[in-house]
């Protein structure tokens, strides 16, 4: 959960694929907003907030998908779940 005063663009729900992509529940009008806002600050559960560049953002059917810089494995993506 983001601290007071921050704007939440989305919540990471789960990993997608094996390249560290994540499925995001949007709290904004379009997934492309993440590219405009890059880098984004990620508040992973039990982790210190960190800035991560958004490499790509797209819709896949009814799912919003992000590829974040430095998040290259399923395990790294899963660690962001809920953030």
N, C-alpha and C. Protein backbone atom coordinates (compact mmCIF):
# COMPACT_ATOMS: atom_id res chain seq x y z
N UNK A 1 0.85 -1.18 0.00
CA UNK A 1 0.00 0.00 0.00
C UNK A 1 0.89 1.24 0.00
N UNK A 2 0.54 2.20 -0.82
CA UNK A 2 1.30 3.44 -0.93
C UNK A 2 1.01 4.35 0.26
N UNK A 3 2.01 5.12 0.68
CA UNK A 3 1.80 6.06 1.79
C UNK A 3 0.84 7.18 1.40
N UNK A 4 0.31 7.84 2.39
CA UNK A 4 -0.58 8.97 2.16
C UNK A 4 0.11 10.01 1.29
N UNK A 5 -0.65 10.56 0.36
CA UNK A 5 -0.11 11.59 -0.53
C UNK A 5 0.40 11.03 -1.86
N UNK A 6 0.51 9.72 -1.99
CA UNK A 6 0.95 9.10 -3.23
C UNK A 6 -0.27 8.71 -4.05
N UNK A 7 -0.12 8.63 -5.36
CA UNK A 7 -1.18 8.20 -6.26
C UNK A 7 -0.89 6.76 -6.67
N UNK A 8 -1.84 5.88 -6.48
CA UNK A 8 -1.68 4.48 -6.86
C UNK A 8 -2.21 4.29 -8.28
N UNK A 9 -1.32 3.91 -9.20
CA UNK A 9 -1.72 3.65 -10.58
C UNK A 9 -2.22 2.23 -10.76
N UNK A 10 -1.74 1.31 -9.92
CA UNK A 10 -2.15 -0.08 -10.05
C UNK A 10 -1.59 -0.93 -8.94
N UNK A 11 -2.08 -2.16 -8.88
CA UNK A 11 -1.63 -3.13 -7.89
C UNK A 11 -1.18 -4.39 -8.63
N UNK A 12 0.04 -4.86 -8.31
CA UNK A 12 0.56 -6.08 -8.93
C UNK A 12 -0.23 -7.26 -8.39
N UNK A 13 -0.82 -8.04 -9.29
CA UNK A 13 -1.62 -9.19 -8.89
C UNK A 13 -0.86 -10.51 -8.98
N UNK A 14 -0.02 -10.66 -10.04
CA UNK A 14 0.73 -11.90 -10.16
C UNK A 14 1.76 -11.77 -11.28
N UNK A 15 2.66 -12.76 -11.33
CA UNK A 15 3.63 -12.84 -12.42
C UNK A 15 2.91 -13.32 -13.68
N UNK A 16 3.50 -12.99 -14.83
CA UNK A 16 2.98 -13.46 -16.10
C UNK A 16 4.16 -13.92 -16.94
N UNK A 17 4.12 -15.13 -17.44
CA UNK A 17 5.21 -15.63 -18.27
C UNK A 17 6.46 -15.90 -17.45
N UNK A 18 7.59 -16.06 -18.13
CA UNK A 18 8.84 -16.38 -17.44
C UNK A 18 9.91 -15.30 -17.60
N UNK A 19 9.51 -14.10 -18.00
CA UNK A 19 10.48 -13.02 -18.19
C UNK A 19 10.32 -11.90 -17.17
N UNK A 20 9.58 -12.16 -16.10
CA UNK A 20 9.42 -11.16 -15.06
C UNK A 20 8.31 -10.15 -15.30
N UNK A 21 7.44 -10.44 -16.25
CA UNK A 21 6.30 -9.54 -16.49
C UNK A 21 5.29 -9.73 -15.36
N UNK A 22 4.50 -8.67 -15.10
CA UNK A 22 3.48 -8.74 -14.06
C UNK A 22 2.12 -8.32 -14.59
N UNK A 23 1.08 -8.96 -14.07
CA UNK A 23 -0.30 -8.56 -14.32
C UNK A 23 -0.64 -7.52 -13.27
N UNK A 24 -1.22 -6.39 -13.71
CA UNK A 24 -1.52 -5.29 -12.80
C UNK A 24 -3.02 -4.98 -12.85
N UNK A 25 -3.61 -4.84 -11.68
CA UNK A 25 -4.98 -4.33 -11.58
C UNK A 25 -4.89 -2.82 -11.66
N UNK A 26 -5.49 -2.24 -12.69
CA UNK A 26 -5.38 -0.80 -12.91
C UNK A 26 -6.23 0.01 -11.93
N UNK A 27 -5.66 1.14 -11.49
CA UNK A 27 -6.38 2.15 -10.73
C UNK A 27 -6.30 3.48 -11.49
N UNK A 28 -6.10 3.37 -12.80
CA UNK A 28 -5.99 4.50 -13.70
C UNK A 28 -6.72 4.14 -14.99
N UNK A 29 -6.84 5.07 -15.91
CA UNK A 29 -7.68 4.85 -17.09
C UNK A 29 -7.04 3.95 -18.15
N UNK A 30 -5.72 3.90 -18.24
CA UNK A 30 -5.07 3.13 -19.30
C UNK A 30 -3.70 2.64 -18.84
N UNK A 31 -3.35 1.46 -19.29
CA UNK A 31 -2.06 0.87 -18.91
C UNK A 31 -0.89 1.72 -19.43
N UNK A 32 -1.09 2.44 -20.52
CA UNK A 32 -0.03 3.28 -21.07
C UNK A 32 0.40 4.38 -20.10
N UNK A 33 -0.43 4.69 -19.14
CA UNK A 33 -0.10 5.71 -18.14
C UNK A 33 1.18 5.35 -17.39
N UNK A 34 1.47 4.05 -17.26
CA UNK A 34 2.69 3.62 -16.59
C UNK A 34 3.93 4.05 -17.35
N UNK A 35 3.86 4.04 -18.69
CA UNK A 35 4.99 4.49 -19.50
C UNK A 35 5.22 5.98 -19.31
N UNK A 36 4.14 6.74 -19.23
CA UNK A 36 4.24 8.19 -19.02
C UNK A 36 4.81 8.51 -17.64
N UNK A 37 4.51 7.67 -16.66
CA UNK A 37 4.93 7.93 -15.27
C UNK A 37 6.29 7.33 -14.94
N UNK A 38 6.87 6.56 -15.85
CA UNK A 38 8.13 5.87 -15.57
C UNK A 38 9.25 6.85 -15.25
N UNK A 39 10.07 6.54 -14.22
CA UNK A 39 10.01 5.36 -13.37
C UNK A 39 8.88 5.46 -12.35
N UNK A 40 8.42 4.30 -11.91
CA UNK A 40 7.38 4.24 -10.89
C UNK A 40 8.00 3.76 -9.58
N UNK A 41 7.36 4.10 -8.48
CA UNK A 41 7.81 3.61 -7.18
C UNK A 41 6.94 2.43 -6.81
N UNK A 42 7.60 1.31 -6.52
CA UNK A 42 6.90 0.08 -6.18
C UNK A 42 7.02 -0.15 -4.68
N UNK A 43 5.87 -0.39 -4.07
CA UNK A 43 5.80 -0.67 -2.64
C UNK A 43 5.45 -2.14 -2.46
N UNK A 44 6.45 -3.02 -2.56
CA UNK A 44 6.22 -4.45 -2.40
C UNK A 44 5.99 -4.79 -0.94
N UNK A 45 5.20 -5.81 -0.67
CA UNK A 45 4.91 -6.20 0.71
C UNK A 45 6.19 -6.55 1.47
N UNK A 46 6.39 -5.90 2.60
CA UNK A 46 7.55 -6.17 3.43
C UNK A 46 8.86 -5.69 2.84
N UNK A 47 8.82 -4.85 1.82
CA UNK A 47 10.02 -4.36 1.15
C UNK A 47 10.08 -2.84 1.24
N UNK A 48 11.28 -2.32 1.17
CA UNK A 48 11.44 -0.87 1.07
C UNK A 48 10.95 -0.42 -0.31
N UNK A 49 10.30 0.74 -0.39
CA UNK A 49 9.88 1.26 -1.70
C UNK A 49 11.10 1.43 -2.61
N UNK A 50 10.91 1.17 -3.89
CA UNK A 50 12.01 1.36 -4.84
C UNK A 50 11.48 1.84 -6.18
N UNK A 51 12.29 2.66 -6.82
CA UNK A 51 11.94 3.16 -8.15
C UNK A 51 12.36 2.14 -9.19
N UNK A 52 11.46 1.85 -10.12
CA UNK A 52 11.73 0.91 -11.20
C UNK A 52 11.23 1.52 -12.50
N UNK A 53 12.07 1.47 -13.53
CA UNK A 53 11.66 1.95 -14.86
C UNK A 53 10.69 0.96 -15.48
N UNK A 54 9.70 1.48 -16.17
CA UNK A 54 8.74 0.65 -16.90
C UNK A 54 9.27 0.50 -18.32
N UNK A 55 9.64 -0.72 -18.69
CA UNK A 55 10.17 -0.98 -20.03
C UNK A 55 9.06 -1.08 -21.06
N UNK A 56 7.93 -1.65 -20.66
CA UNK A 56 6.81 -1.79 -21.59
C UNK A 56 5.52 -1.95 -20.80
N UNK A 57 4.41 -1.60 -21.41
CA UNK A 57 3.09 -1.73 -20.79
C UNK A 57 2.08 -1.98 -21.90
N UNK A 58 1.21 -3.00 -21.72
CA UNK A 58 0.25 -3.32 -22.76
C UNK A 58 -0.94 -4.07 -22.19
N UNK A 59 -2.01 -4.09 -22.99
CA UNK A 59 -3.20 -4.87 -22.67
C UNK A 59 -3.06 -6.23 -23.35
N UNK A 60 -3.39 -7.29 -22.64
CA UNK A 60 -3.43 -8.64 -23.19
C UNK A 60 -4.81 -9.19 -22.86
N UNK A 61 -5.72 -9.05 -23.81
CA UNK A 61 -7.12 -9.38 -23.53
C UNK A 61 -7.65 -8.42 -22.49
N UNK A 62 -8.17 -8.94 -21.39
CA UNK A 62 -8.69 -8.07 -20.33
C UNK A 62 -7.66 -7.82 -19.24
N UNK A 63 -6.40 -8.24 -19.45
CA UNK A 63 -5.34 -8.07 -18.45
C UNK A 63 -4.39 -6.94 -18.84
N UNK A 64 -3.90 -6.22 -17.84
CA UNK A 64 -2.88 -5.18 -18.06
C UNK A 64 -1.54 -5.77 -17.63
N UNK A 65 -0.54 -5.64 -18.51
CA UNK A 65 0.75 -6.28 -18.29
C UNK A 65 1.84 -5.21 -18.29
N UNK A 66 2.78 -5.35 -17.35
CA UNK A 66 3.95 -4.47 -17.30
C UNK A 66 5.22 -5.30 -17.36
N UNK A 67 6.23 -4.76 -18.04
CA UNK A 67 7.59 -5.29 -17.96
C UNK A 67 8.41 -4.21 -17.27
N UNK A 68 8.93 -4.55 -16.08
CA UNK A 68 9.70 -3.60 -15.28
C UNK A 68 11.18 -3.91 -15.39
N UNK A 69 12.01 -2.88 -15.47
CA UNK A 69 13.45 -3.03 -15.59
C UNK A 69 14.01 -3.77 -14.38
N UNK A 70 14.86 -4.75 -14.64
CA UNK A 70 15.52 -5.48 -13.56
C UNK A 70 14.67 -6.57 -12.94
N UNK A 71 13.44 -6.70 -13.36
CA UNK A 71 12.56 -7.79 -12.90
C UNK A 71 12.50 -8.78 -14.05
N UNK A 72 13.35 -9.82 -13.97
CA UNK A 72 13.55 -10.70 -15.12
C UNK A 72 13.20 -12.16 -14.88
N UNK A 73 12.68 -12.47 -13.70
CA UNK A 73 12.32 -13.85 -13.39
C UNK A 73 10.93 -13.90 -12.77
N UNK A 74 10.36 -15.09 -12.80
CA UNK A 74 9.05 -15.28 -12.15
C UNK A 74 9.15 -14.94 -10.67
N UNK A 75 10.23 -15.38 -10.03
CA UNK A 75 10.41 -15.15 -8.60
C UNK A 75 10.49 -13.66 -8.27
N UNK A 76 11.21 -12.91 -9.07
CA UNK A 76 11.32 -11.46 -8.84
C UNK A 76 9.96 -10.77 -9.04
N UNK A 77 9.20 -11.24 -10.03
CA UNK A 77 7.88 -10.67 -10.28
C UNK A 77 6.93 -11.01 -9.13
N UNK A 78 6.95 -12.24 -8.67
CA UNK A 78 6.07 -12.67 -7.58
C UNK A 78 6.36 -11.89 -6.29
N UNK A 79 7.61 -11.49 -6.09
CA UNK A 79 7.98 -10.72 -4.89
C UNK A 79 7.30 -9.36 -4.85
N UNK A 80 6.83 -8.88 -5.99
CA UNK A 80 6.15 -7.58 -6.06
C UNK A 80 4.64 -7.70 -5.86
N UNK A 81 4.16 -8.92 -5.79
CA UNK A 81 2.72 -9.17 -5.68
C UNK A 81 2.12 -8.39 -4.50
N UNK A 82 1.02 -7.71 -4.78
CA UNK A 82 0.36 -6.92 -3.75
C UNK A 82 0.88 -5.50 -3.66
N UNK A 83 1.97 -5.21 -4.35
CA UNK A 83 2.57 -3.87 -4.30
C UNK A 83 2.13 -2.99 -5.43
